[in-house]
Amino acid sequence: MTHPIYQVRAVEVVGPYTLRVEFTDNVEQVIDLRPVLAGELYGPLLDPELFNQVSIDPEVKTLVWPNGADFDPATLHDWPTYQEAFAASAREWARVSA
């Protein structure tokens, strides 16, 4: 059984907390991350200055931020499948930390 390996080729901030992400297989996603920015790791990305420092990790080819936040490239690639589960987790992180 083989699983595809997805890698990010390009990223662009296109709005508040929203990224256009292009993958090496030519799939492109526009992802609004605002609903998942909660908790210890992702919550700091609510600071627009920090959020806009997104970059591509040169080794694993996924999105990373200076605070150590990152996302699995497969999750980003198939974001429509995962976005609600991530948002539900973020709501729980926010509730627990409140």
N, C-alpha and C. Protein backbone atom coordinates (compact mmCIF):
# COMPACT_ATOMS: atom_id res chain seq x y z
N MET A 1 0.84 -1.18 0.00
CA MET A 1 0.00 0.00 0.00
C MET A 1 0.89 1.24 0.00
N THR A 2 0.66 2.11 -0.94
CA THR A 2 1.46 3.32 -1.00
C THR A 2 0.57 4.53 -0.74
N HIS A 3 1.17 5.51 -0.14
CA HIS A 3 0.48 6.77 0.13
C HIS A 3 1.21 7.86 -0.62
N PRO A 4 0.48 8.74 -1.25
CA PRO A 4 1.17 9.84 -1.94
C PRO A 4 1.86 10.75 -0.93
N ILE A 5 2.98 11.28 -1.37
CA ILE A 5 3.71 12.24 -0.55
C ILE A 5 3.52 13.60 -1.20
N TYR A 6 2.94 14.51 -0.44
CA TYR A 6 2.66 15.85 -0.95
C TYR A 6 3.71 16.81 -0.43
N GLN A 7 4.10 17.73 -1.29
CA GLN A 7 5.06 18.75 -0.91
C GLN A 7 4.55 20.11 -1.40
N VAL A 8 4.76 21.11 -0.56
CA VAL A 8 4.37 22.47 -0.91
C VAL A 8 5.44 23.08 -1.81
N ARG A 9 5.02 23.66 -2.92
CA ARG A 9 5.93 24.31 -3.85
C ARG A 9 5.93 25.83 -3.64
N ALA A 10 4.75 26.39 -3.30
CA ALA A 10 4.65 27.85 -3.16
C ALA A 10 3.54 28.18 -2.17
N VAL A 11 3.70 29.31 -1.50
CA VAL A 11 2.67 29.81 -0.59
C VAL A 11 2.60 31.32 -0.74
N GLU A 12 1.38 31.83 -0.64
CA GLU A 12 1.15 33.27 -0.73
C GLU A 12 0.04 33.65 0.24
N VAL A 13 0.27 34.69 1.02
CA VAL A 13 -0.79 35.22 1.88
C VAL A 13 -1.72 36.02 0.98
N VAL A 14 -3.00 35.62 0.93
CA VAL A 14 -3.96 36.28 0.03
C VAL A 14 -5.06 37.03 0.78
N GLY A 15 -5.04 36.97 2.09
CA GLY A 15 -6.01 37.67 2.91
C GLY A 15 -5.71 37.41 4.36
N PRO A 16 -6.49 38.01 5.26
CA PRO A 16 -6.27 37.75 6.68
C PRO A 16 -6.41 36.26 6.98
N TYR A 17 -5.33 35.66 7.45
CA TYR A 17 -5.29 34.24 7.83
C TYR A 17 -5.59 33.29 6.67
N THR A 18 -5.45 33.78 5.45
CA THR A 18 -5.78 32.98 4.27
C THR A 18 -4.56 32.85 3.37
N LEU A 19 -4.30 31.61 2.97
CA LEU A 19 -3.13 31.31 2.16
C LEU A 19 -3.54 30.62 0.86
N ARG A 20 -2.81 30.91 -0.19
CA ARG A 20 -2.89 30.12 -1.41
C ARG A 20 -1.67 29.22 -1.38
N VAL A 21 -1.93 27.91 -1.41
CA VAL A 21 -0.86 26.93 -1.30
C VAL A 21 -0.83 26.11 -2.58
N GLU A 22 0.33 26.03 -3.20
CA GLU A 22 0.51 25.24 -4.41
C GLU A 22 1.42 24.06 -4.09
N PHE A 23 1.02 22.89 -4.58
CA PHE A 23 1.75 21.65 -4.30
C PHE A 23 2.50 21.19 -5.55
N THR A 24 3.46 20.29 -5.34
CA THR A 24 4.29 19.83 -6.45
C THR A 24 3.51 19.00 -7.47
N ASP A 25 2.30 18.54 -7.10
CA ASP A 25 1.47 17.80 -8.08
C ASP A 25 0.49 18.75 -8.80
N ASN A 26 0.74 20.06 -8.67
CA ASN A 26 -0.04 21.13 -9.31
C ASN A 26 -1.42 21.36 -8.71
N VAL A 27 -1.75 20.72 -7.61
CA VAL A 27 -2.98 21.04 -6.88
C VAL A 27 -2.75 22.36 -6.16
N GLU A 28 -3.79 23.18 -6.12
CA GLU A 28 -3.73 24.46 -5.41
C GLU A 28 -4.93 24.55 -4.48
N GLN A 29 -4.68 25.01 -3.27
CA GLN A 29 -5.75 25.20 -2.29
C GLN A 29 -5.67 26.64 -1.78
N VAL A 30 -6.82 27.26 -1.62
CA VAL A 30 -6.91 28.52 -0.89
C VAL A 30 -7.51 28.16 0.45
N ILE A 31 -6.73 28.40 1.51
CA ILE A 31 -7.08 27.90 2.84
C ILE A 31 -7.22 29.06 3.82
N ASP A 32 -8.41 29.17 4.41
CA ASP A 32 -8.64 30.13 5.48
C ASP A 32 -8.36 29.40 6.79
N LEU A 33 -7.25 29.72 7.42
CA LEU A 33 -6.85 29.03 8.64
C LEU A 33 -7.45 29.63 9.90
N ARG A 34 -8.15 30.76 9.80
CA ARG A 34 -8.70 31.42 10.98
C ARG A 34 -9.47 30.47 11.90
N PRO A 35 -10.33 29.59 11.37
CA PRO A 35 -11.09 28.72 12.27
C PRO A 35 -10.24 27.73 13.08
N VAL A 36 -8.98 27.53 12.71
CA VAL A 36 -8.15 26.57 13.44
C VAL A 36 -7.06 27.22 14.28
N LEU A 37 -7.05 28.53 14.34
CA LEU A 37 -6.00 29.22 15.08
C LEU A 37 -6.40 29.38 16.55
N ALA A 38 -6.13 28.33 17.28
CA ALA A 38 -6.41 28.31 18.72
C ALA A 38 -5.40 27.40 19.38
N GLY A 39 -5.34 27.45 20.67
CA GLY A 39 -4.44 26.57 21.41
C GLY A 39 -3.03 27.12 21.49
N GLU A 40 -2.20 26.36 22.14
CA GLU A 40 -0.83 26.78 22.43
C GLU A 40 0.02 26.93 21.18
N LEU A 41 -0.14 26.05 20.21
CA LEU A 41 0.70 26.08 19.02
C LEU A 41 0.17 27.02 17.94
N TYR A 42 -1.13 26.92 17.64
CA TYR A 42 -1.70 27.69 16.54
C TYR A 42 -2.28 29.04 16.97
N GLY A 43 -2.65 29.19 18.23
CA GLY A 43 -3.21 30.45 18.73
C GLY A 43 -2.33 31.67 18.48
N PRO A 44 -1.01 31.56 18.68
CA PRO A 44 -0.16 32.72 18.42
C PRO A 44 -0.22 33.23 16.98
N LEU A 45 -0.67 32.39 16.05
CA LEU A 45 -0.76 32.82 14.65
C LEU A 45 -1.89 33.81 14.42
N LEU A 46 -2.70 34.06 15.44
CA LEU A 46 -3.71 35.12 15.34
C LEU A 46 -3.07 36.50 15.24
N ASP A 47 -1.81 36.59 15.64
CA ASP A 47 -1.05 37.83 15.44
C ASP A 47 -0.73 37.91 13.95
N PRO A 48 -1.32 38.87 13.24
CA PRO A 48 -1.10 38.93 11.78
C PRO A 48 0.37 39.02 11.39
N GLU A 49 1.16 39.70 12.20
CA GLU A 49 2.59 39.82 11.89
C GLU A 49 3.26 38.44 11.89
N LEU A 50 2.92 37.63 12.88
CA LEU A 50 3.48 36.28 12.95
C LEU A 50 2.90 35.40 11.83
N PHE A 51 1.58 35.46 11.65
CA PHE A 51 0.94 34.64 10.61
C PHE A 51 1.58 34.90 9.25
N ASN A 52 1.84 36.15 8.94
CA ASN A 52 2.37 36.51 7.63
C ASN A 52 3.83 36.11 7.43
N GLN A 53 4.46 35.56 8.47
CA GLN A 53 5.84 35.06 8.35
C GLN A 53 5.89 33.61 7.91
N VAL A 54 4.79 33.10 7.40
CA VAL A 54 4.74 31.72 6.91
C VAL A 54 5.84 31.51 5.86
N SER A 55 6.42 30.33 5.90
CA SER A 55 7.44 29.97 4.91
C SER A 55 7.34 28.47 4.63
N ILE A 56 8.13 28.02 3.70
CA ILE A 56 8.15 26.61 3.35
C ILE A 56 9.42 26.00 3.94
N ASP A 57 9.25 24.96 4.73
CA ASP A 57 10.40 24.26 5.29
C ASP A 57 11.18 23.63 4.14
N PRO A 58 12.48 23.92 4.03
CA PRO A 58 13.24 23.44 2.88
C PRO A 58 13.44 21.92 2.85
N GLU A 59 13.32 21.27 4.00
CA GLU A 59 13.52 19.82 4.04
C GLU A 59 12.24 19.04 3.79
N VAL A 60 11.17 19.36 4.55
CA VAL A 60 9.95 18.56 4.44
C VAL A 60 8.89 19.19 3.54
N LYS A 61 9.18 20.40 3.06
CA LYS A 61 8.31 21.07 2.08
C LYS A 61 6.87 21.23 2.56
N THR A 62 6.75 21.75 3.77
CA THR A 62 5.44 22.11 4.29
C THR A 62 5.51 23.52 4.87
N LEU A 63 4.36 24.04 5.25
CA LEU A 63 4.30 25.39 5.81
C LEU A 63 4.77 25.39 7.25
N VAL A 64 5.58 26.38 7.59
CA VAL A 64 6.07 26.54 8.95
C VAL A 64 6.05 28.02 9.33
N TRP A 65 6.01 28.25 10.63
CA TRP A 65 6.06 29.60 11.18
C TRP A 65 7.18 29.66 12.20
N PRO A 66 7.68 30.87 12.51
CA PRO A 66 8.79 31.02 13.44
C PRO A 66 8.52 30.46 14.84
N ASN A 67 7.26 30.35 15.25
CA ASN A 67 6.97 29.82 16.59
C ASN A 67 6.94 28.30 16.63
N GLY A 68 7.23 27.63 15.50
CA GLY A 68 7.26 26.17 15.46
C GLY A 68 5.98 25.55 14.92
N ALA A 69 4.95 26.35 14.69
CA ALA A 69 3.70 25.82 14.13
C ALA A 69 3.94 25.32 12.71
N ASP A 70 3.29 24.22 12.38
CA ASP A 70 3.35 23.69 11.03
C ASP A 70 2.12 22.84 10.79
N PHE A 71 1.93 22.44 9.56
CA PHE A 71 0.82 21.56 9.19
C PHE A 71 1.36 20.44 8.32
N ASP A 72 0.80 19.26 8.47
CA ASP A 72 1.14 18.13 7.61
C ASP A 72 0.78 18.52 6.17
N PRO A 73 1.69 18.37 5.22
CA PRO A 73 1.37 18.76 3.85
C PRO A 73 0.20 17.98 3.26
N ALA A 74 0.00 16.73 3.68
CA ALA A 74 -1.14 15.96 3.19
C ALA A 74 -2.45 16.56 3.67
N THR A 75 -2.47 17.07 4.89
CA THR A 75 -3.66 17.73 5.43
C THR A 75 -3.96 18.99 4.62
N LEU A 76 -2.93 19.77 4.34
CA LEU A 76 -3.13 20.99 3.54
C LEU A 76 -3.60 20.65 2.13
N HIS A 77 -3.01 19.64 1.54
CA HIS A 77 -3.34 19.23 0.18
C HIS A 77 -4.82 18.87 0.06
N ASP A 78 -5.33 18.19 1.08
CA ASP A 78 -6.72 17.72 1.08
C ASP A 78 -7.57 18.51 2.08
N TRP A 79 -7.27 19.80 2.22
CA TRP A 79 -7.90 20.65 3.23
C TRP A 79 -9.42 20.53 3.29
N PRO A 80 -10.15 20.51 2.18
CA PRO A 80 -11.61 20.40 2.29
C PRO A 80 -12.07 19.18 3.09
N THR A 81 -11.30 18.12 3.06
CA THR A 81 -11.63 16.90 3.80
C THR A 81 -11.39 17.08 5.30
N TYR A 82 -10.38 17.85 5.66
CA TYR A 82 -9.95 17.94 7.06
C TYR A 82 -10.37 19.21 7.78
N GLN A 83 -10.83 20.22 7.08
CA GLN A 83 -11.02 21.53 7.71
C GLN A 83 -12.01 21.50 8.87
N GLU A 84 -13.10 20.79 8.76
CA GLU A 84 -14.07 20.79 9.86
C GLU A 84 -13.52 20.08 11.09
N ALA A 85 -12.81 18.98 10.91
CA ALA A 85 -12.22 18.27 12.05
C ALA A 85 -11.19 19.16 12.74
N PHE A 86 -10.38 19.87 11.98
CA PHE A 86 -9.41 20.80 12.56
C PHE A 86 -10.13 21.92 13.31
N ALA A 87 -11.18 22.46 12.72
CA ALA A 87 -11.92 23.55 13.37
C ALA A 87 -12.55 23.06 14.67
N ALA A 88 -13.09 21.84 14.68
CA ALA A 88 -13.67 21.29 15.91
C ALA A 88 -12.59 21.13 16.98
N SER A 89 -11.42 20.67 16.60
CA SER A 89 -10.32 20.54 17.56
C SER A 89 -9.94 21.92 18.10
N ALA A 90 -9.89 22.91 17.23
CA ALA A 90 -9.52 24.27 17.67
C ALA A 90 -10.54 24.82 18.65
N ARG A 91 -11.81 24.54 18.42
CA ARG A 91 -12.84 24.99 19.37
C ARG A 91 -12.62 24.34 20.73
N GLU A 92 -12.22 23.08 20.74
CA GLU A 92 -11.94 22.39 22.00
C GLU A 92 -10.70 22.97 22.67
N TRP A 93 -9.65 23.26 21.88
CA TRP A 93 -8.43 23.87 22.45
C TRP A 93 -8.76 25.20 23.09
N ALA A 94 -9.60 25.99 22.43
CA ALA A 94 -9.97 27.30 22.96
C ALA A 94 -10.77 27.15 24.23
N ARG A 95 -11.67 26.18 24.28
CA ARG A 95 -12.48 25.96 25.47
C ARG A 95 -11.62 25.52 26.65
N VAL A 96 -10.70 24.64 26.43
CA VAL A 96 -9.83 24.11 27.49
C VAL A 96 -8.91 25.20 28.02
N SER A 97 -8.41 26.07 27.15
CA SER A 97 -7.46 27.08 27.59
C SER A 97 -8.14 28.33 28.15
N ALA A 98 -9.47 28.40 28.07
CA ALA A 98 -10.20 29.57 28.56
C ALA A 98 -10.35 29.55 30.07
